[in-house]
C-alpha atoms as a PDB file:
ATOM      1  CA  UNK A   1     130.021 128.982  95.252  1.00  0.00           C
ATOM      2  CA  UNK A   2     132.791 127.130  97.195  1.00  0.00           C
ATOM      3  CA  UNK A   3     136.181 128.903  97.163  1.00  0.00           C
ATOM      4  CA  UNK A   4     139.438 126.917  95.916  1.00  0.00           C
ATOM      5  CA  UNK A   5     140.452 125.997  99.117  1.00  0.00           C
ATOM      6  CA  UNK A   6     137.317 124.980 100.335  1.00  0.00           C
ATOM      7  CA  UNK A   7     137.008 122.864  96.865  1.00  0.00           C
ATOM      8  CA  UNK A   8     140.338 121.089  98.398  1.00  0.00           C
ATOM      9  CA  UNK A   9     139.265 120.683 101.719  1.00  0.00           C
ATOM     10  CA  UNK A  10     136.489 119.146 101.585  1.00  0.00           C
ATOM     11  CA  UNK A  11     137.056 117.167  98.055  1.00  0.00           C
ATOM     12  CA  UNK A  12     136.842 113.592  99.265  1.00  0.00           C
ATOM     13  CA  UNK A  13     133.007 114.272 100.626  1.00  0.00           C
ATOM     14  CA  UNK A  14     132.631 116.438  97.335  1.00  0.00           C
ATOM     15  CA  UNK A  15     132.923 113.780  95.020  1.00  0.00           C
ATOM     16  CA  UNK A  16     130.687 111.268  96.632  1.00  0.00           C
ATOM     17  CA  UNK A  17     127.780 110.893  94.779  1.00  0.00           C
ATOM     18  CA  UNK A  18     124.936 112.180  97.430  1.00  0.00           C
ATOM     19  CA  UNK A  19     127.382 114.602  98.853  1.00  0.00           C
ATOM     20  CA  UNK A  20     128.869 117.048  95.661  1.00  0.00           C
ATOM     21  CA  UNK A  21     129.443 120.848  95.337  1.00  0.00           C
ATOM     22  CA  UNK A  22     125.843 121.579  96.613  1.00  0.00           C
ATOM     23  CA  UNK A  23     125.729 119.398  99.616  1.00  0.00           C
ATOM     24  CA  UNK A  24     129.240 121.371 101.165  1.00  0.00           C
ATOM     25  CA  UNK A  25     127.621 123.910 101.297  1.00  0.00           C
ATOM     26  CA  UNK A  26     124.296 122.881 103.077  1.00  0.00           C
ATOM     27  CA  UNK A  27     126.806 122.464 105.838  1.00  0.00           C
ATOM     28  CA  UNK A  28     128.809 125.119 105.718  1.00  0.00           C
ATOM     29  CA  UNK A  29     125.729 127.314 105.735  1.00  0.00           C
ATOM     30  CA  UNK A  30     124.327 124.444 108.712  1.00  0.00           C
ATOM     31  CA  UNK A  31     124.110 124.897 112.289  1.00  0.00           C
ATOM     32  CA  UNK A  32     124.747 122.614 114.975  1.00  0.00           C
ATOM     33  CA  UNK A  33     124.378 122.989 119.089  1.00  0.00           C
ATOM     34  CA  UNK A  34     126.702 120.625 120.859  1.00  0.00           C
ATOM     35  CA  UNK A  35     125.916 119.988 124.391  1.00  0.00           C
ATOM     36  CA  UNK A  36     128.678 118.595 126.682  1.00  0.00           C
ATOM     37  CA  UNK A  37     132.511 119.163 125.453  1.00  0.00           C
ATOM     38  CA  UNK A  38     132.647 115.920 127.188  1.00  0.00           C
ATOM     39  CA  UNK A  39     133.086 112.066 126.152  1.00  0.00           C
ATOM     40  CA  UNK A  40     130.898 111.946 123.333  1.00  0.00           C
ATOM     41  CA  UNK A  41     131.012 115.969 122.246  1.00  0.00           C
ATOM     42  CA  UNK A  42     134.406 115.613 122.084  1.00  0.00           C
ATOM     43  CA  UNK A  43     135.121 113.091 119.144  1.00  0.00           C
ATOM     44  CA  UNK A  44     131.120 114.308 117.580  1.00  0.00           C
ATOM     45  CA  UNK A  45     132.299 117.934 117.462  1.00  0.00           C
ATOM     46  CA  UNK A  46     135.697 117.189 116.073  1.00  0.00           C
ATOM     47  CA  UNK A  47     134.338 116.076 112.809  1.00  0.00           C
ATOM     48  CA  UNK A  48     131.300 118.560 112.490  1.00  0.00           C
ATOM     49  CA  UNK A  49     134.154 120.907 111.876  1.00  0.00           C
ATOM     50  CA  UNK A  50     135.804 118.942 110.083  1.00  0.00           C
ATOM     51  CA  UNK A  51     132.432 118.137 107.966  1.00  0.00           C
ATOM     52  CA  UNK A  52     132.797 122.079 107.757  1.00  0.00           C
ATOM     53  CA  UNK A  53     129.459 122.635 109.924  1.00  0.00           C
ATOM     54  CA  UNK A  54     129.675 126.119 109.808  1.00  0.00           C
ATOM     55  CA  UNK A  55     128.290 127.140 112.858  1.00  0.00           C
ATOM     56  CA  UNK A  56     129.336 124.895 115.613  1.00  0.00           C
ATOM     57  CA  UNK A  57     127.851 126.196 119.066  1.00  0.00           C
ATOM     58  CA  UNK A  58     129.290 124.256 122.240  1.00  0.00           C
ATOM     59  CA  UNK A  59     127.432 124.285 125.690  1.00  0.00           C
ATOM     60  CA  UNK A  60     129.312 123.446 128.502  1.00  0.00           C
ATOM     61  CA  UNK A  61     129.812 124.348 132.295  1.00  0.00           C
ATOM     62  CA  UNK A  62     132.597 122.576 133.752  1.00  0.00           C
ATOM     63  CA  UNK A  63     136.204 122.781 133.341  1.00  0.00           C
ATOM     64  CA  UNK A  64     139.009 120.930 132.224  1.00  0.00           C
ATOM     65  CA  UNK A  65     139.625 117.930 134.768  1.00  0.00           C
ATOM     66  CA  UNK A  66     143.098 115.584 134.322  1.00  0.00           C
ATOM     67  CA  UNK A  67     140.579 112.326 134.723  1.00  0.00           C
ATOM     68  CA  UNK A  68     138.280 113.657 131.640  1.00  0.00           C
ATOM     69  CA  UNK A  69     141.578 112.970 129.178  1.00  0.00           C
ATOM     70  CA  UNK A  70     140.726 108.885 129.118  1.00  0.00           C
ATOM     71  CA  UNK A  71     137.608 110.075 126.776  1.00  0.00           C
ATOM     72  CA  UNK A  72     137.356 113.830 126.236  1.00  0.00           C
ATOM     73  CA  UNK A  73     139.843 114.017 123.157  1.00  0.00           C
ATOM     74  CA  UNK A  74     138.984 118.012 122.366  1.00  0.00           C
ATOM     75  CA  UNK A  75     141.331 118.736 125.770  1.00  0.00           C
ATOM     76  CA  UNK A  76     144.738 118.114 126.586  1.00  0.00           C
ATOM     77  CA  UNK A  77     146.563 118.266 129.023  1.00  0.00           C
ATOM     78  CA  UNK A  78     148.247 121.300 129.321  1.00  0.00           C
ATOM     79  CA  UNK A  79     144.110 122.245 129.364  1.00  0.00           C
ATOM     80  CA  UNK A  80     143.944 120.895 132.607  1.00  0.00           C
ATOM     81  CA  UNK A  81     141.648 123.809 135.146  1.00  0.00           C
ATOM     82  CA  UNK A  82     140.595 125.816 131.121  1.00  0.00           C
ATOM     83  CA  UNK A  83     136.878 126.115 131.051  1.00  0.00           C
ATOM     84  CA  UNK A  84     136.248 122.815 128.377  1.00  0.00           C
ATOM     85  CA  UNK A  85     134.523 125.544 125.607  1.00  0.00           C
ATOM     86  CA  UNK A  86     137.276 127.709 125.402  1.00  0.00           C
ATOM     87  CA  UNK A  87     139.831 124.533 124.740  1.00  0.00           C
ATOM     88  CA  UNK A  88     137.156 123.417 122.596  1.00  0.00           C
ATOM     89  CA  UNK A  89     136.705 126.747 120.325  1.00  0.00           C
ATOM     90  CA  UNK A  90     140.951 126.716 120.139  1.00  0.00           C
ATOM     91  CA  UNK A  91     141.093 122.832 119.061  1.00  0.00           C
ATOM     92  CA  UNK A  92     138.230 122.848 116.304  1.00  0.00           C
ATOM     93  CA  UNK A  93     138.983 126.362 115.133  1.00  0.00           C
ATOM     94  CA  UNK A  94     142.789 124.898 115.003  1.00  0.00           C
ATOM     95  CA  UNK A  95     141.233 122.311 112.620  1.00  0.00           C
ATOM     96  CA  UNK A  96     138.628 124.080 110.484  1.00  0.00           C
ATOM     97  CA  UNK A  97     139.219 128.043 109.886  1.00  0.00           C
ATOM     98  CA  UNK A  98     136.311 128.113 107.434  1.00  0.00           C
ATOM     99  CA  UNK A  99     133.518 127.481 111.016  1.00  0.00           C
ATOM    100  CA  UNK A 100     132.440 129.693 113.713  1.00  0.00           C
ATOM    101  CA  UNK A 101     132.440 128.459 117.067  1.00  0.00           C
ATOM    102  CA  UNK A 102     130.366 129.042 119.288  1.00  0.00           C
ATOM    103  CA  UNK A 103     131.608 128.733 123.465  1.00  0.00           C
ATOM    104  CA  UNK A 104     128.877 128.753 125.391  1.00  0.00           C
ATOM    105  CA  UNK A 105     129.306 128.259 129.002  1.00  0.00           C
ATOM    106  CA  UNK A 106     126.356 127.510 130.911  1.00  0.00           C
ATOM    107  CA  UNK A 107     124.495 125.646 132.562  1.00  0.00           C
ATOM    108  CA  UNK A 108     121.478 124.029 130.748  1.00  0.00           C
ATOM    109  CA  UNK A 109     118.424 125.241 132.740  1.00  0.00           C
ATOM    110  CA  UNK A 110     114.905 125.589 132.595  1.00  0.00           C
ATOM    111  CA  UNK A 111     114.997 128.925 132.300  1.00  0.00           C
ATOM    112  CA  UNK A 112     117.749 129.598 129.804  1.00  0.00           C
ATOM    113  CA  UNK A 113     117.514 125.996 127.107  1.00  0.00           C
ATOM    114  CA  UNK A 114     115.131 127.327 124.817  1.00  0.00           C
ATOM    115  CA  UNK A 115     116.917 130.650 124.414  1.00  0.00           C
ATOM    116  CA  UNK A 116     120.604 128.695 124.261  1.00  0.00           C
ATOM    117  CA  UNK A 117     118.821 126.207 121.255  1.00  0.00           C
ATOM    118  CA  UNK A 118     116.886 128.667 119.150  1.00  0.00           C
ATOM    119  CA  UNK A 119     118.965 129.892 116.605  1.00  0.00           C
ATOM    120  CA  UNK A 120     120.561 125.903 115.574  1.00  0.00           C
ATOM    121  CA  UNK A 121     119.505 123.766 113.322  1.00  0.00           C
ATOM    122  CA  UNK A 122     120.300 120.244 115.398  1.00  0.00           C
ATOM    123  CA  UNK A 123     120.800 119.634 118.392  1.00  0.00           C
ATOM    124  CA  UNK A 124     123.432 116.905 119.476  1.00  0.00           C
ATOM    125  CA  UNK A 125     123.090 115.876 123.485  1.00  0.00           C
ATOM    126  CA  UNK A 126     126.613 114.052 124.976  1.00  0.00           C
ATOM    127  CA  UNK A 127     124.548 115.092 128.195  1.00  0.00           C
ATOM    128  CA  UNK A 128     126.337 112.971 130.996  1.00  0.00           C
ATOM    129  CA  UNK A 129     123.297 112.949 133.183  1.00  0.00           C
ATOM    130  CA  UNK A 130     119.389 112.089 133.609  1.00  0.00           C
ATOM    131  CA  UNK A 131     118.234 115.479 133.934  1.00  0.00           C
ATOM    132  CA  UNK A 132     120.014 117.076 131.453  1.00  0.00           C
ATOM    133  CA  UNK A 133     119.532 114.536 128.823  1.00  0.00           C
ATOM    134  CA  UNK A 134     115.247 114.846 129.935  1.00  0.00           C
ATOM    135  CA  UNK A 135     115.805 118.558 130.120  1.00  0.00           C
ATOM    136  CA  UNK A 136     117.137 118.227 126.283  1.00  0.00           C
ATOM    137  CA  UNK A 137     114.661 115.868 124.762  1.00  0.00           C
ATOM    138  CA  UNK A 138     111.160 118.224 126.140  1.00  0.00           C
ATOM    139  CA  UNK A 139     112.948 121.483 125.214  1.00  0.00           C
ATOM    140  CA  UNK A 140     114.000 119.623 120.895  1.00  0.00           C
ATOM    141  CA  UNK A 141     110.167 118.910 121.053  1.00  0.00           C
ATOM    142  CA  UNK A 142     108.042 121.552 122.470  1.00  0.00           C
ATOM    143  CA  UNK A 143     110.650 124.106 119.906  1.00  0.00           C
ATOM    144  CA  UNK A 144     110.743 121.005 116.967  1.00  0.00           C
ATOM    145  CA  UNK A 145     114.207 121.234 116.618  1.00  0.00           C
ATOM    146  CA  UNK A 146     115.331 117.361 115.612  1.00  0.00           C
ATOM    147  CA  UNK A 147     117.716 115.757 118.113  1.00  0.00           C
ATOM    148  CA  UNK A 148     120.799 113.485 118.299  1.00  0.00           C
ATOM    149  CA  UNK A 149     120.654 111.759 121.532  1.00  0.00           C
ATOM    150  CA  UNK A 150     123.380 109.219 122.973  1.00  0.00           C
ATOM    151  CA  UNK A 151     124.759 107.349 125.943  1.00  0.00           C
ATOM    152  CA  UNK A 152     127.092 105.697 127.039  1.00  0.00           C
ATOM    153  CA  UNK A 153     128.065 103.250 130.232  1.00  0.00           C
ATOM    154  CA  UNK A 154     130.465 100.689 131.346  1.00  0.00           C
ATOM    155  CA  UNK A 155     131.113  98.339 127.749  1.00  0.00           C
ATOM    156  CA  UNK A 156     127.600 100.203 126.400  1.00  0.00           C
ATOM    157  CA  UNK A 157     126.596 102.358 124.049  1.00  0.00           C
ATOM    158  CA  UNK A 158     123.418 103.817 122.286  1.00  0.00           C
ATOM    159  CA  UNK A 159     122.113 106.366 119.285  1.00  0.00           C
ATOM    160  CA  UNK A 160     119.091 107.492 118.603  1.00  0.00           C
ATOM    161  CA  UNK A 161     117.200 110.487 116.631  1.00  0.00           C
ATOM    162  CA  UNK A 162     114.701 112.133 117.824  1.00  0.00           C
ATOM    163  CA  UNK A 163     112.724 114.202 114.336  1.00  0.00           C
ATOM    164  CA  UNK A 164     109.825 116.225 116.862  1.00  0.00           C
ATOM    165  CA  UNK A 165     106.311 114.711 115.062  1.00  0.00           C
ATOM    166  CA  UNK A 166     107.626 112.216 113.046  1.00  0.00           C
ATOM    167  CA  UNK A 167     109.057 110.165 116.004  1.00  0.00           C
ATOM    168  CA  UNK A 168     109.338 108.605 119.095  1.00  0.00           C
ATOM    169  CA  UNK A 169     111.131 110.558 121.517  1.00  0.00           C
ATOM    170  CA  UNK A 170     113.090 109.672 124.041  1.00  0.00           C
ATOM    171  CA  UNK A 171     110.356 110.170 126.920  1.00  0.00           C
ATOM    172  CA  UNK A 172     108.966 107.501 124.428  1.00  0.00           C
ATOM    173  CA  UNK A 173     111.875 105.267 125.912  1.00  0.00           C
ATOM    174  CA  UNK A 174     111.468 105.485 129.447  1.00  0.00           C
ATOM    175  CA  UNK A 175     108.844 107.961 130.470  1.00  0.00           C
ATOM    176  CA  UNK A 176     110.945 109.357 133.984  1.00  0.00           C
ATOM    177  CA  UNK A 177     113.851 109.955 135.284  1.00  0.00           C
ATOM    178  CA  UNK A 178     115.028 106.954 136.941  1.00  0.00           C
ATOM    179  CA  UNK A 179     115.433 107.763 141.229  1.00  0.00           C
ATOM    180  CA  UNK A 180     118.846 109.178 142.239  1.00  0.00           C
ATOM    181  CA  UNK A 181     121.367 107.145 142.388  1.00  0.00           C
ATOM    182  CA  UNK A 182     119.409 104.612 140.526  1.00  0.00           C
ATOM    183  CA  UNK A 183     121.971 104.509 137.796  1.00  0.00           C
ATOM    184  CA  UNK A 184     125.621 104.771 138.605  1.00  0.00           C
ATOM    185  CA  UNK A 185     127.550 107.623 136.397  1.00  0.00           C
ATOM    186  CA  UNK A 186     130.653 107.173 134.456  1.00  0.00           C
ATOM    187  CA  UNK A 187     132.771 108.532 137.956  1.00  0.00           C
ATOM    188  CA  UNK A 188     131.511 105.453 140.062  1.00  0.00           C
ATOM    189  CA  UNK A 189     130.977 102.663 137.531  1.00  0.00           C
ATOM    190  CA  UNK A 190     133.683 104.028 134.648  1.00  0.00           C
ATOM    191  CA  UNK A 191     133.720 104.012 130.978  1.00  0.00           C
ATOM    192  CA  UNK A 192     135.970 102.773 128.405  1.00  0.00           C
ATOM    193  CA  UNK A 193     136.881 105.777 126.310  1.00  0.00           C
ATOM    194  CA  UNK A 194     136.757 104.036 122.781  1.00  0.00           C
ATOM    195  CA  UNK A 195     132.987 103.690 123.734  1.00  0.00           C
ATOM    196  CA  UNK A 196     132.765 107.201 123.471  1.00  0.00           C
ATOM    197  CA  UNK A 197     134.325 107.769 120.300  1.00  0.00           C
ATOM    198  CA  UNK A 198     132.266 105.040 118.801  1.00  0.00           C
ATOM    199  CA  UNK A 199     128.367 106.535 119.660  1.00  0.00           C
ATOM    200  CA  UNK A 200     129.932 110.826 119.023  1.00  0.00           C
ATOM    201  CA  UNK A 201     131.373 110.057 115.970  1.00  0.00           C
ATOM    202  CA  UNK A 202     127.810 107.999 115.027  1.00  0.00           C
ATOM    203  CA  UNK A 203     125.643 110.523 116.050  1.00  0.00           C
ATOM    204  CA  UNK A 204     127.989 113.026 113.881  1.00  0.00           C
ATOM    205  CA  UNK A 205     126.979 110.659 110.956  1.00  0.00           C
ATOM    206  CA  UNK A 206     123.577 111.072 111.910  1.00  0.00           C
ATOM    207  CA  UNK A 207     124.009 114.928 111.820  1.00  0.00           C
ATOM    208  CA  UNK A 208     125.721 115.027 108.627  1.00  0.00           C
ATOM    209  CA  UNK A 209     122.788 112.903 107.257  1.00  0.00           C
ATOM    210  CA  UNK A 210     120.258 115.094 108.599  1.00  0.00           C
ATOM    211  CA  UNK A 211     121.867 118.217 107.000  1.00  0.00           C
ATOM    212  CA  UNK A 212     122.816 116.398 103.892  1.00  0.00           C
ATOM    213  CA  UNK A 213     118.620 115.257 103.460  1.00  0.00           C
ATOM    214  CA  UNK A 214     120.718 111.255 103.173  1.00  0.00           C
ATOM    215  CA  UNK A 215     120.652 107.826 104.329  1.00  0.00           C
ATOM    216  CA  UNK A 216     118.345 106.316 106.673  1.00  0.00           C
ATOM    217  CA  UNK A 217     118.347 108.668 110.119  1.00  0.00           C
ATOM    218  CA  UNK A 218     117.951 106.255 113.644  1.00  0.00           C
ATOM    219  CA  UNK A 219     114.410 108.283 114.179  1.00  0.00           C
ATOM    220  CA  UNK A 220     112.573 105.159 115.680  1.00  0.00           C
ATOM    221  CA  UNK A 221     115.865 103.225 115.679  1.00  0.00           C
ATOM    222  CA  UNK A 222     117.644 102.716 118.704  1.00  0.00           C
ATOM    223  CA  UNK A 223     121.114 101.140 118.336  1.00  0.00           C
ATOM    224  CA  UNK A 224     122.678  99.403 121.170  1.00  0.00           C
ATOM    225  CA  UNK A 225     126.815  99.108 121.016  1.00  0.00           C
ATOM    226  CA  UNK A 226     128.878  96.961 122.889  1.00  0.00           C
ATOM    227  CA  UNK A 227     132.724  97.366 122.876  1.00  0.00           C
ATOM    228  CA  UNK A 228     133.550  93.275 124.682  1.00  0.00           C
ATOM    229  CA  UNK A 229     131.840  91.271 121.798  1.00  0.00           C
ATOM    230  CA  UNK A 230     131.995  94.648 119.079  1.00  0.00           C
ATOM    231  CA  UNK A 231     128.019  93.794 118.159  1.00  0.00           C
ATOM    232  CA  UNK A 232     125.529  96.357 116.612  1.00  0.00           C
ATOM    233  CA  UNK A 233     122.325  95.475 117.364  1.00  0.00           C
ATOM    234  CA  UNK A 234     119.058  97.703 115.829  1.00  0.00           C
ATOM    235  CA  UNK A 235     115.857  98.281 118.554  1.00  0.00           C
ATOM    236  CA  UNK A 236     112.744  99.249 116.616  1.00  0.00           C
ATOM    237  CA  UNK A 237     111.284 102.147 119.344  1.00  0.00           C
ATOM    238  CA  UNK A 238     107.421 102.831 118.666  1.00  0.00           C
ATOM    239  CA  UNK A 239     106.462 106.208 119.018  1.00  0.00           C
ATOM    240  CA  UNK A 240     104.188 106.385 122.792  1.00  0.00           C
ATOM    241  CA  UNK A 241     100.693 107.757 122.432  1.00  0.00           C
ATOM    242  CA  UNK A 242     100.433 108.386 125.514  1.00  0.00           C
ATOM    243  CA  UNK A 243     104.013 109.968 126.087  1.00  0.00           C
ATOM    244  CA  UNK A 244     103.660 112.830 128.272  1.00  0.00           C
ATOM    245  CA  UNK A 245     105.424 115.112 126.027  1.00  0.00           C
ATOM    246  CA  UNK A 246     105.052 114.225 122.590  1.00  0.00           C
ATOM    247  CA  UNK A 247     101.541 111.993 122.871  1.00  0.00           C
ATOM    248  CA  UNK A 248      98.014 112.158 121.364  1.00  0.00           C
ATOM    249  CA  UNK A 249      97.405 114.353 124.875  1.00  0.00           C
ATOM    250  CA  UNK A 250     100.834 115.498 126.093  1.00  0.00           C
ATOM    251  CA  UNK A 251     100.518 116.726 129.850  1.00  0.00           C
ATOM    252  CA  UNK A 252     103.882 118.512 129.829  1.00  0.00           C
ATOM    253  CA  UNK A 253     103.651 122.245 129.024  1.00  0.00           C
ATOM    254  CA  UNK A 254     106.369 123.454 130.171  1.00  0.00           C
ATOM    255  CA  UNK A 255     110.112 122.882 131.335  1.00  0.00           C
ATOM    256  CA  UNK A 256     111.374 122.521 134.624  1.00  0.00           C
ATOM    257  CA  UNK A 257     114.575 121.539 136.086  1.00  0.00           C
ATOM    258  CA  UNK A 258     114.601 117.496 136.634  1.00  0.00           C
ATOM    259  CA  UNK A 259     117.514 118.089 139.570  1.00  0.00           C
ATOM    260  CA  UNK A 260     115.370 119.536 141.238  1.00  0.00           C
ATOM    261  CA  UNK A 261     111.780 117.348 140.474  1.00  0.00           C
ATOM    262  CA  UNK A 262     114.709 114.271 140.876  1.00  0.00           C
ATOM    263  CA  UNK A 263     115.710 115.659 145.165  1.00  0.00           C
ATOM    264  CA  UNK A 264     112.181 116.124 145.352  1.00  0.00           C
ATOM    265  CA  UNK A 265     111.434 112.649 144.789  1.00  0.00           C
ATOM    266  CA  UNK A 266     114.037 111.586 147.064  1.00  0.00           C
ATOM    267  CA  UNK A 267     112.601 113.198 149.624  1.00  0.00           C
ATOM    268  CA  UNK A 268     108.761 112.239 149.346  1.00  0.00           C
ATOM    269  CA  UNK A 269     110.499 108.775 150.020  1.00  0.00           C
ATOM    270  CA  UNK A 270     109.850 105.274 147.955  1.00  0.00           C
ATOM    271  CA  UNK A 271     106.555 104.947 147.932  1.00  0.00           C
ATOM    272  CA  UNK A 272     106.481 108.179 145.596  1.00  0.00           C
END
């Protein structure tokens, strides 16, 4: 049963025909893990906290830097130098005292990721590098965890939802990480802060729909956003029967650290 203050807090959601009191209870009982307290994780976690997600885990190993503040809206100037997960915990808890925020100050590896994600219903990936994206995708497929993926680059963003056993995974789109240096990161290429906001909020929306069981998730559909012409388009993504982790005859049986894999490939020369 919802308390009177909860009915007031979430009243604009509760009056929605597809939510109601039962839907709000689903949100309060949900457990969501946000990977990355940066450009995508900031807006996503803010809206998930405000919506009343009962348990919200935040994974990040970095500290707040001044150059983060242009897009990472969880944090403020006074938080520079603090661990991002501590800054995130304080901000999210201040927004909603109903929820439990779990700060997880770790760098995800093949050794710890399965233990980190095991207690959560849905994983939201807001990481900013390919090794982590592949690690998270593979761990979610192996663990049968629904995953919301988002990516941003300069004036562009993308989002897709991965439901293991039902939809294509990230590897169906991109079978292997790109070679080191092939794709510049935000530090080299730049990013418009509002693009991170758009994609992060779309990811939060996907998570809320999945918990409530409403609407149509972006499963098998890649949403692409361009800020310069304010356009959205959807590209259908087929499930790849030859996918190395979710295909008919998967070859990936265990997790590896893709940072090491990429470095090994780089040392091996361009012919590999």
